[in-house]
Amino acid sequence: MNEKSHSNHLLLLIVATVCLSTSGPLGKFIDMPTPVIIWWRSILALIILFFFCVFRGINLKVNNKKDRFTFLLLLY
């Protein structure tokens, strides 16, 4: 592994750690009901993951019909 790749992985690990460690204080100090906070955090995560997949060129299409049924079943 080269030095640049190692540095990028460390940076991503630090960003992930900061994002995960701030969930407690954010939940405590934001004056909103808990379900609303969870809802907005989920929407924000969905948007960020979508743009990450678009940026990386990850295909999100479900090709197999059996997999489509499983995917729809997981939405409930």
N, C-alpha and C. Protein backbone atom coordinates (compact mmCIF):
# COMPACT_ATOMS: atom_id res chain seq x y z
N MET A 1 0.85 -1.17 0.00
CA MET A 1 0.00 0.00 0.00
C MET A 1 0.90 1.24 0.00
N ASN A 2 0.59 2.18 -0.88
CA ASN A 2 1.42 3.37 -0.95
C ASN A 2 1.01 4.37 0.13
N GLU A 3 1.84 5.38 0.32
CA GLU A 3 1.65 6.37 1.38
C GLU A 3 0.39 7.20 1.18
N LYS A 4 0.06 7.57 -0.06
CA LYS A 4 -1.13 8.38 -0.32
C LYS A 4 -2.40 7.60 0.01
N SER A 5 -2.45 6.35 -0.35
CA SER A 5 -3.60 5.51 -0.07
C SER A 5 -3.79 5.35 1.45
N HIS A 6 -2.69 5.15 2.15
CA HIS A 6 -2.74 5.01 3.60
C HIS A 6 -3.26 6.30 4.24
N SER A 7 -2.80 7.44 3.77
CA SER A 7 -3.25 8.73 4.31
C SER A 7 -4.74 8.95 4.03
N ASN A 8 -5.19 8.57 2.84
CA ASN A 8 -6.62 8.71 2.51
C ASN A 8 -7.48 7.83 3.41
N HIS A 9 -7.02 6.61 3.67
CA HIS A 9 -7.78 5.72 4.55
C HIS A 9 -7.82 6.26 5.98
N LEU A 10 -6.72 6.82 6.45
CA LEU A 10 -6.72 7.41 7.78
C LEU A 10 -7.66 8.61 7.87
N LEU A 11 -7.67 9.43 6.83
CA LEU A 11 -8.56 10.58 6.81
C LEU A 11 -10.02 10.15 6.82
N LEU A 12 -10.37 9.14 6.05
CA LEU A 12 -11.74 8.63 6.05
C LEU A 12 -12.12 8.03 7.40
N LEU A 13 -11.19 7.37 8.04
CA LEU A 13 -11.44 6.81 9.37
C LEU A 13 -11.68 7.91 10.39
N ILE A 14 -10.93 8.99 10.31
CA ILE A 14 -11.11 10.11 11.23
C ILE A 14 -12.46 10.78 11.00
N VAL A 15 -12.83 10.98 9.75
CA VAL A 15 -14.13 11.60 9.44
C VAL A 15 -15.27 10.72 9.94
N ALA A 16 -15.17 9.41 9.74
CA ALA A 16 -16.21 8.49 10.21
C ALA A 16 -16.30 8.51 11.73
N THR A 17 -15.17 8.56 12.40
CA THR A 17 -15.16 8.60 13.86
C THR A 17 -15.81 9.88 14.39
N VAL A 18 -15.52 11.00 13.77
CA VAL A 18 -16.13 12.26 14.17
C VAL A 18 -17.64 12.23 13.95
N CYS A 19 -18.07 11.70 12.81
CA CYS A 19 -19.51 11.63 12.53
C CYS A 19 -20.23 10.74 13.53
N LEU A 20 -19.65 9.61 13.89
CA LEU A 20 -20.29 8.70 14.83
C LEU A 20 -20.24 9.23 16.26
N SER A 21 -19.17 9.91 16.62
CA SER A 21 -19.04 10.37 18.00
C SER A 21 -19.88 11.60 18.31
N THR A 22 -20.35 12.31 17.29
CA THR A 22 -21.15 13.50 17.54
C THR A 22 -22.63 13.19 17.62
N SER A 23 -23.06 11.97 17.41
CA SER A 23 -24.49 11.67 17.42
C SER A 23 -25.10 11.83 18.81
N GLY A 24 -24.37 11.49 19.85
CA GLY A 24 -24.88 11.65 21.21
C GLY A 24 -25.11 13.11 21.58
N PRO A 25 -24.08 13.96 21.48
CA PRO A 25 -24.29 15.37 21.81
C PRO A 25 -25.32 16.06 20.91
N LEU A 26 -25.35 15.70 19.65
CA LEU A 26 -26.36 16.31 18.78
C LEU A 26 -27.76 15.94 19.22
N GLY A 27 -27.96 14.70 19.59
CA GLY A 27 -29.27 14.26 20.06
C GLY A 27 -29.66 14.91 21.36
N LYS A 28 -28.67 15.22 22.19
CA LYS A 28 -28.97 15.81 23.49
C LYS A 28 -29.25 17.31 23.39
N PHE A 29 -28.53 18.01 22.55
CA PHE A 29 -28.61 19.47 22.52
C PHE A 29 -29.55 20.03 21.46
N ILE A 30 -30.00 19.23 20.53
CA ILE A 30 -30.96 19.70 19.53
C ILE A 30 -32.34 19.61 20.13
N ASP A 31 -33.04 20.72 20.11
CA ASP A 31 -34.36 20.80 20.74
C ASP A 31 -35.44 20.37 19.76
N MET A 32 -35.42 19.08 19.41
CA MET A 32 -36.41 18.49 18.51
C MET A 32 -36.74 17.10 19.06
N PRO A 33 -37.91 16.59 18.73
CA PRO A 33 -38.24 15.22 19.16
C PRO A 33 -37.28 14.20 18.52
N THR A 34 -37.03 13.14 19.24
CA THR A 34 -36.10 12.12 18.79
C THR A 34 -36.45 11.54 17.42
N PRO A 35 -37.73 11.21 17.14
CA PRO A 35 -38.03 10.66 15.81
C PRO A 35 -37.73 11.63 14.67
N VAL A 36 -37.88 12.92 14.92
CA VAL A 36 -37.59 13.91 13.88
C VAL A 36 -36.08 13.97 13.61
N ILE A 37 -35.29 13.91 14.66
CA ILE A 37 -33.83 13.91 14.50
C ILE A 37 -33.39 12.67 13.72
N ILE A 38 -33.93 11.52 14.07
CA ILE A 38 -33.58 10.28 13.37
C ILE A 38 -33.99 10.36 11.91
N TRP A 39 -35.17 10.90 11.64
CA TRP A 39 -35.67 11.05 10.28
C TRP A 39 -34.73 11.92 9.45
N TRP A 40 -34.34 13.07 9.96
CA TRP A 40 -33.46 13.97 9.21
C TRP A 40 -32.05 13.40 9.04
N ARG A 41 -31.56 12.71 10.05
CA ARG A 41 -30.24 12.07 9.90
C ARG A 41 -30.29 10.98 8.84
N SER A 42 -31.39 10.25 8.77
CA SER A 42 -31.54 9.20 7.76
C SER A 42 -31.60 9.79 6.36
N ILE A 43 -32.35 10.87 6.21
CA ILE A 43 -32.44 11.54 4.90
C ILE A 43 -31.07 12.07 4.48
N LEU A 44 -30.36 12.69 5.42
CA LEU A 44 -29.03 13.21 5.11
C LEU A 44 -28.08 12.07 4.70
N ALA A 45 -28.14 10.95 5.41
CA ALA A 45 -27.30 9.80 5.07
C ALA A 45 -27.65 9.25 3.69
N LEU A 46 -28.96 9.20 3.37
CA LEU A 46 -29.39 8.72 2.06
C LEU A 46 -28.83 9.60 0.95
N ILE A 47 -28.91 10.91 1.13
CA ILE A 47 -28.41 11.83 0.11
C ILE A 47 -26.90 11.70 -0.05
N ILE A 48 -26.18 11.64 1.06
CA ILE A 48 -24.72 11.53 1.00
C ILE A 48 -24.31 10.20 0.35
N LEU A 49 -24.96 9.10 0.72
CA LEU A 49 -24.62 7.81 0.12
C LEU A 49 -24.96 7.77 -1.36
N PHE A 50 -26.07 8.40 -1.75
CA PHE A 50 -26.44 8.43 -3.16
C PHE A 50 -25.37 9.16 -3.98
N PHE A 51 -24.97 10.35 -3.51
CA PHE A 51 -23.97 11.10 -4.26
C PHE A 51 -22.60 10.41 -4.22
N PHE A 52 -22.31 9.71 -3.15
CA PHE A 52 -21.06 8.94 -3.09
C PHE A 52 -21.07 7.84 -4.16
N CYS A 53 -22.21 7.14 -4.28
CA CYS A 53 -22.32 6.07 -5.29
C CYS A 53 -22.26 6.64 -6.70
N VAL A 54 -22.87 7.79 -6.93
CA VAL A 54 -22.81 8.43 -8.24
C VAL A 54 -21.37 8.85 -8.54
N PHE A 55 -20.70 9.44 -7.55
CA PHE A 55 -19.32 9.90 -7.72
C PHE A 55 -18.38 8.73 -8.01
N ARG A 56 -18.59 7.61 -7.31
CA ARG A 56 -17.72 6.45 -7.49
C ARG A 56 -18.14 5.58 -8.66
N GLY A 57 -19.31 5.83 -9.24
CA GLY A 57 -19.78 5.04 -10.37
C GLY A 57 -20.34 3.69 -9.97
N ILE A 58 -20.88 3.59 -8.77
CA ILE A 58 -21.44 2.34 -8.28
C ILE A 58 -22.86 2.21 -8.83
N ASN A 59 -23.13 1.09 -9.48
CA ASN A 59 -24.44 0.84 -10.07
C ASN A 59 -25.42 0.42 -8.99
N LEU A 60 -26.55 1.12 -8.87
CA LEU A 60 -27.54 0.82 -7.85
C LEU A 60 -28.74 0.06 -8.39
N LYS A 61 -28.67 -0.35 -9.64
CA LYS A 61 -29.79 -1.03 -10.27
C LYS A 61 -29.88 -2.48 -9.77
N VAL A 62 -31.12 -2.90 -9.48
CA VAL A 62 -31.38 -4.28 -9.07
C VAL A 62 -31.79 -5.05 -10.32
N ASN A 63 -30.96 -5.97 -10.76
CA ASN A 63 -31.18 -6.67 -12.03
C ASN A 63 -32.05 -7.90 -11.91
N ASN A 64 -31.90 -8.68 -10.90
CA ASN A 64 -32.58 -9.95 -10.75
C ASN A 64 -33.98 -9.74 -10.16
N LYS A 65 -34.99 -10.40 -10.71
CA LYS A 65 -36.36 -10.26 -10.20
C LYS A 65 -36.49 -10.78 -8.78
N LYS A 66 -35.78 -11.83 -8.45
CA LYS A 66 -35.80 -12.36 -7.09
C LYS A 66 -35.23 -11.32 -6.12
N ASP A 67 -34.19 -10.64 -6.52
CA ASP A 67 -33.60 -9.61 -5.68
C ASP A 67 -34.53 -8.41 -5.53
N ARG A 68 -35.32 -8.11 -6.55
CA ARG A 68 -36.28 -7.01 -6.46
C ARG A 68 -37.31 -7.30 -5.38
N PHE A 69 -37.81 -8.54 -5.35
CA PHE A 69 -38.77 -8.92 -4.33
C PHE A 69 -38.16 -8.79 -2.93
N THR A 70 -36.94 -9.25 -2.77
CA THR A 70 -36.26 -9.14 -1.48
C THR A 70 -36.06 -7.70 -1.09
N PHE A 71 -35.68 -6.87 -2.03
CA PHE A 71 -35.48 -5.44 -1.77
C PHE A 71 -36.78 -4.79 -1.33
N LEU A 72 -37.88 -5.09 -2.03
CA LEU A 72 -39.17 -4.51 -1.65
C LEU A 72 -39.64 -5.04 -0.29
N LEU A 73 -39.33 -6.28 0.01
CA LEU A 73 -39.69 -6.85 1.30
C LEU A 73 -38.93 -6.15 2.43
N LEU A 74 -37.71 -5.75 2.18
CA LEU A 74 -36.91 -5.08 3.20
C LEU A 74 -37.40 -3.66 3.48
N LEU A 75 -38.14 -3.08 2.57
CA LEU A 75 -38.63 -1.72 2.77
C LEU A 75 -39.75 -1.66 3.81
N TYR A 76 -40.36 -2.80 4.12
CA TYR A 76 -41.46 -2.80 5.09
C TYR A 76 -40.99 -2.96 6.48
